[in-house]
Structures are given as structure tokens and as C-alpha cells.
């Protein structure tokens, strides 16, 4: 397993929070990041290496997933 860090980006482009993700590879880490993050843009990093950006999803109406 490899440790990744998912940084949440606020409206000003600054990191506002972060959480750890353990995954076997970049693709699995990105999938986990997308599943965890639905309301705020985030960046996924593995150490000093940028892996990818996860854009925020628009709010869902009741009954939609």
C-alpha cells in the first residue's frame, strides 16, 4: 500500500483540510478520492508528486445519488 494525501482546496485556492488515503496505485487512490469527495475541489498527492485533481460535484437533489 502507498500513502496518499487528499488536500481540500477552498474558494481562494488554498488547502483547507486534508485526509490520508492508502491505496495500491494511483488509479485506486483517485477512485477513493472521488468517492470521498463530493462537495469541494481537492488535489491528490503522493509525497511531493501531484497525482491529480478531483473537482467538486454539484449538490444532489433529494432522491438522487
N, C-alpha and C. Protein backbone atom coordinates (compact mmCIF):
# COMPACT_ATOMS: atom_id res chain seq x y z
N UNK A 1 0.84 -1.18 0.00
CA UNK A 1 0.00 0.00 0.00
C UNK A 1 0.88 1.24 0.00
N UNK A 2 0.39 2.26 -0.67
CA UNK A 2 1.09 3.53 -0.75
C UNK A 2 0.24 4.60 -0.07
N UNK A 3 0.87 5.50 0.64
CA UNK A 3 0.16 6.58 1.32
C UNK A 3 0.01 7.78 0.38
N UNK A 4 -1.21 8.28 0.30
CA UNK A 4 -1.54 9.46 -0.48
C UNK A 4 -2.17 10.46 0.47
N UNK A 5 -2.19 11.71 0.05
CA UNK A 5 -2.82 12.76 0.85
C UNK A 5 -3.79 13.50 -0.06
N UNK A 6 -5.03 13.61 0.37
CA UNK A 6 -6.06 14.33 -0.36
C UNK A 6 -6.25 15.68 0.31
N UNK A 7 -5.84 16.75 -0.40
CA UNK A 7 -5.95 18.11 0.13
C UNK A 7 -7.19 18.78 -0.43
N UNK A 8 -8.04 19.28 0.45
CA UNK A 8 -9.23 20.01 0.03
C UNK A 8 -8.84 21.46 -0.24
N UNK A 9 -9.34 22.00 -1.35
CA UNK A 9 -8.97 23.35 -1.78
C UNK A 9 -10.17 24.28 -1.60
N UNK A 10 -9.95 25.38 -0.87
CA UNK A 10 -11.05 26.32 -0.65
C UNK A 10 -11.23 27.24 -1.86
N UNK A 11 -12.19 28.14 -1.78
CA UNK A 11 -12.51 29.05 -2.89
C UNK A 11 -11.37 29.98 -3.27
N UNK A 12 -10.43 30.20 -2.35
CA UNK A 12 -9.28 31.06 -2.62
C UNK A 12 -8.09 30.30 -3.18
N UNK A 13 -8.25 28.99 -3.38
CA UNK A 13 -7.16 28.19 -3.92
C UNK A 13 -6.17 27.69 -2.88
N UNK A 14 -6.53 27.79 -1.60
CA UNK A 14 -5.65 27.35 -0.52
C UNK A 14 -6.13 26.01 0.03
N UNK A 15 -5.20 25.22 0.53
CA UNK A 15 -5.58 23.96 1.18
C UNK A 15 -6.31 24.28 2.47
N UNK A 16 -7.50 23.70 2.65
CA UNK A 16 -8.30 23.98 3.84
C UNK A 16 -8.37 22.79 4.79
N UNK A 17 -8.11 21.59 4.29
CA UNK A 17 -8.14 20.38 5.11
C UNK A 17 -7.45 19.28 4.30
N UNK A 18 -7.19 18.17 4.96
CA UNK A 18 -6.55 17.06 4.27
C UNK A 18 -6.92 15.75 4.94
N UNK A 19 -6.82 14.67 4.18
CA UNK A 19 -7.03 13.34 4.76
C UNK A 19 -6.12 12.35 4.05
N UNK A 20 -5.75 11.31 4.78
CA UNK A 20 -4.89 10.26 4.25
C UNK A 20 -5.70 9.24 3.48
N UNK A 21 -5.11 8.72 2.41
CA UNK A 21 -5.68 7.60 1.65
C UNK A 21 -4.55 6.60 1.46
N UNK A 22 -4.81 5.34 1.75
CA UNK A 22 -3.87 4.26 1.44
C UNK A 22 -4.44 3.50 0.26
N UNK A 23 -3.63 3.29 -0.76
CA UNK A 23 -4.10 2.61 -1.96
C UNK A 23 -2.93 1.87 -2.62
N UNK A 24 -3.26 0.90 -3.48
CA UNK A 24 -2.23 0.10 -4.14
C UNK A 24 -1.57 0.84 -5.29
N UNK A 25 -2.28 1.82 -5.90
CA UNK A 25 -1.70 2.58 -7.01
C UNK A 25 -2.47 3.88 -7.19
N UNK A 26 -2.02 4.69 -8.15
CA UNK A 26 -2.64 6.00 -8.40
C UNK A 26 -4.11 5.88 -8.77
N UNK A 27 -4.44 4.90 -9.61
CA UNK A 27 -5.83 4.75 -10.06
C UNK A 27 -6.76 4.44 -8.89
N UNK A 28 -6.33 3.56 -8.00
CA UNK A 28 -7.14 3.21 -6.83
C UNK A 28 -7.25 4.42 -5.89
N UNK A 29 -6.18 5.16 -5.74
CA UNK A 29 -6.22 6.35 -4.88
C UNK A 29 -7.17 7.40 -5.44
N UNK A 30 -7.14 7.60 -6.76
CA UNK A 30 -8.06 8.57 -7.39
C UNK A 30 -9.51 8.12 -7.23
N UNK A 31 -9.77 6.83 -7.37
CA UNK A 31 -11.13 6.32 -7.21
C UNK A 31 -11.62 6.55 -5.78
N UNK A 32 -10.76 6.31 -4.81
CA UNK A 32 -11.12 6.55 -3.42
C UNK A 32 -11.35 8.03 -3.17
N UNK A 33 -10.48 8.87 -3.72
CA UNK A 33 -10.61 10.32 -3.56
C UNK A 33 -11.94 10.80 -4.13
N UNK A 34 -12.32 10.30 -5.28
CA UNK A 34 -13.60 10.70 -5.89
C UNK A 34 -14.78 10.25 -5.03
N UNK A 35 -14.67 9.06 -4.46
CA UNK A 35 -15.76 8.55 -3.62
C UNK A 35 -15.88 9.33 -2.32
N UNK A 36 -14.77 9.77 -1.76
CA UNK A 36 -14.78 10.52 -0.51
C UNK A 36 -15.21 11.96 -0.68
N UNK A 37 -14.90 12.53 -1.82
CA UNK A 37 -15.02 13.97 -2.01
C UNK A 37 -16.11 14.28 -3.01
N UNK A 38 -17.15 14.96 -2.56
CA UNK A 38 -18.22 15.30 -3.48
C UNK A 38 -18.55 16.78 -3.47
N UNK A 39 -18.12 17.51 -2.44
CA UNK A 39 -18.60 18.88 -2.32
C UNK A 39 -17.52 19.95 -2.42
N UNK A 40 -16.25 19.55 -2.49
CA UNK A 40 -15.18 20.55 -2.56
C UNK A 40 -14.07 20.04 -3.47
N UNK A 41 -13.49 20.93 -4.23
CA UNK A 41 -12.37 20.55 -5.10
C UNK A 41 -11.20 20.10 -4.23
N UNK A 42 -10.45 19.14 -4.72
CA UNK A 42 -9.32 18.59 -3.96
C UNK A 42 -8.18 18.25 -4.89
N UNK A 43 -7.01 18.10 -4.29
CA UNK A 43 -5.83 17.64 -5.03
C UNK A 43 -5.27 16.41 -4.32
N UNK A 44 -4.90 15.42 -5.10
CA UNK A 44 -4.33 14.19 -4.57
C UNK A 44 -2.83 14.21 -4.80
N UNK A 45 -2.07 13.98 -3.72
CA UNK A 45 -0.62 13.98 -3.77
C UNK A 45 -0.09 12.69 -3.16
N UNK A 46 1.02 12.22 -3.70
CA UNK A 46 1.75 11.10 -3.12
C UNK A 46 3.14 11.64 -2.83
N UNK A 47 3.36 11.99 -1.56
CA UNK A 47 4.59 12.69 -1.20
C UNK A 47 4.61 14.05 -1.88
N UNK A 48 5.70 14.34 -2.59
CA UNK A 48 5.82 15.62 -3.30
C UNK A 48 5.30 15.54 -4.73
N UNK A 49 4.75 14.39 -5.12
CA UNK A 49 4.28 14.17 -6.50
C UNK A 49 2.78 14.42 -6.60
N UNK A 50 2.41 15.35 -7.48
CA UNK A 50 0.99 15.64 -7.75
C UNK A 50 0.43 14.48 -8.57
N UNK A 51 -0.67 13.91 -8.11
CA UNK A 51 -1.30 12.79 -8.81
C UNK A 51 -2.47 13.25 -9.66
N UNK A 52 -3.33 14.10 -9.10
CA UNK A 52 -4.47 14.57 -9.89
C UNK A 52 -5.39 15.45 -9.09
N UNK A 53 -6.31 16.07 -9.81
CA UNK A 53 -7.30 16.96 -9.21
C UNK A 53 -8.66 16.28 -9.23
N UNK A 54 -9.39 16.45 -8.16
CA UNK A 54 -10.74 15.92 -8.05
C UNK A 54 -11.66 17.13 -7.94
N UNK A 55 -12.44 17.37 -8.98
CA UNK A 55 -13.35 18.51 -8.97
C UNK A 55 -14.56 18.22 -8.10
N UNK A 56 -15.16 19.27 -7.57
CA UNK A 56 -16.34 19.10 -6.75
C UNK A 56 -17.53 18.73 -7.63
N UNK A 57 -18.46 18.02 -7.04
CA UNK A 57 -19.69 17.66 -7.73
C UNK A 57 -20.77 18.63 -7.31
N UNK A 58 -21.67 18.96 -8.22
CA UNK A 58 -22.77 19.85 -7.82
C UNK A 58 -23.63 19.16 -6.77
N UNK A 59 -24.26 19.92 -5.89
CA UNK A 59 -25.14 19.32 -4.87
C UNK A 59 -26.23 18.50 -5.53
N UNK A 60 -26.54 17.37 -4.92
CA UNK A 60 -27.59 16.48 -5.44
C UNK A 60 -28.94 16.84 -4.81
N UNK A 61 -29.97 16.76 -5.63
CA UNK A 61 -31.33 16.95 -5.10
C UNK A 61 -31.72 15.69 -4.34
N UNK A 62 -32.68 15.82 -3.43
CA UNK A 62 -33.15 14.66 -2.68
C UNK A 62 -33.57 13.55 -3.63
N UNK A 63 -33.15 12.33 -3.29
CA UNK A 63 -33.51 11.18 -4.10
C UNK A 63 -32.53 10.87 -5.21
N UNK A 64 -31.52 11.73 -5.43
CA UNK A 64 -30.53 11.49 -6.47
C UNK A 64 -29.21 11.13 -5.83
N UNK A 65 -28.46 10.28 -6.51
CA UNK A 65 -27.14 9.90 -5.99
C UNK A 65 -26.07 10.23 -6.98
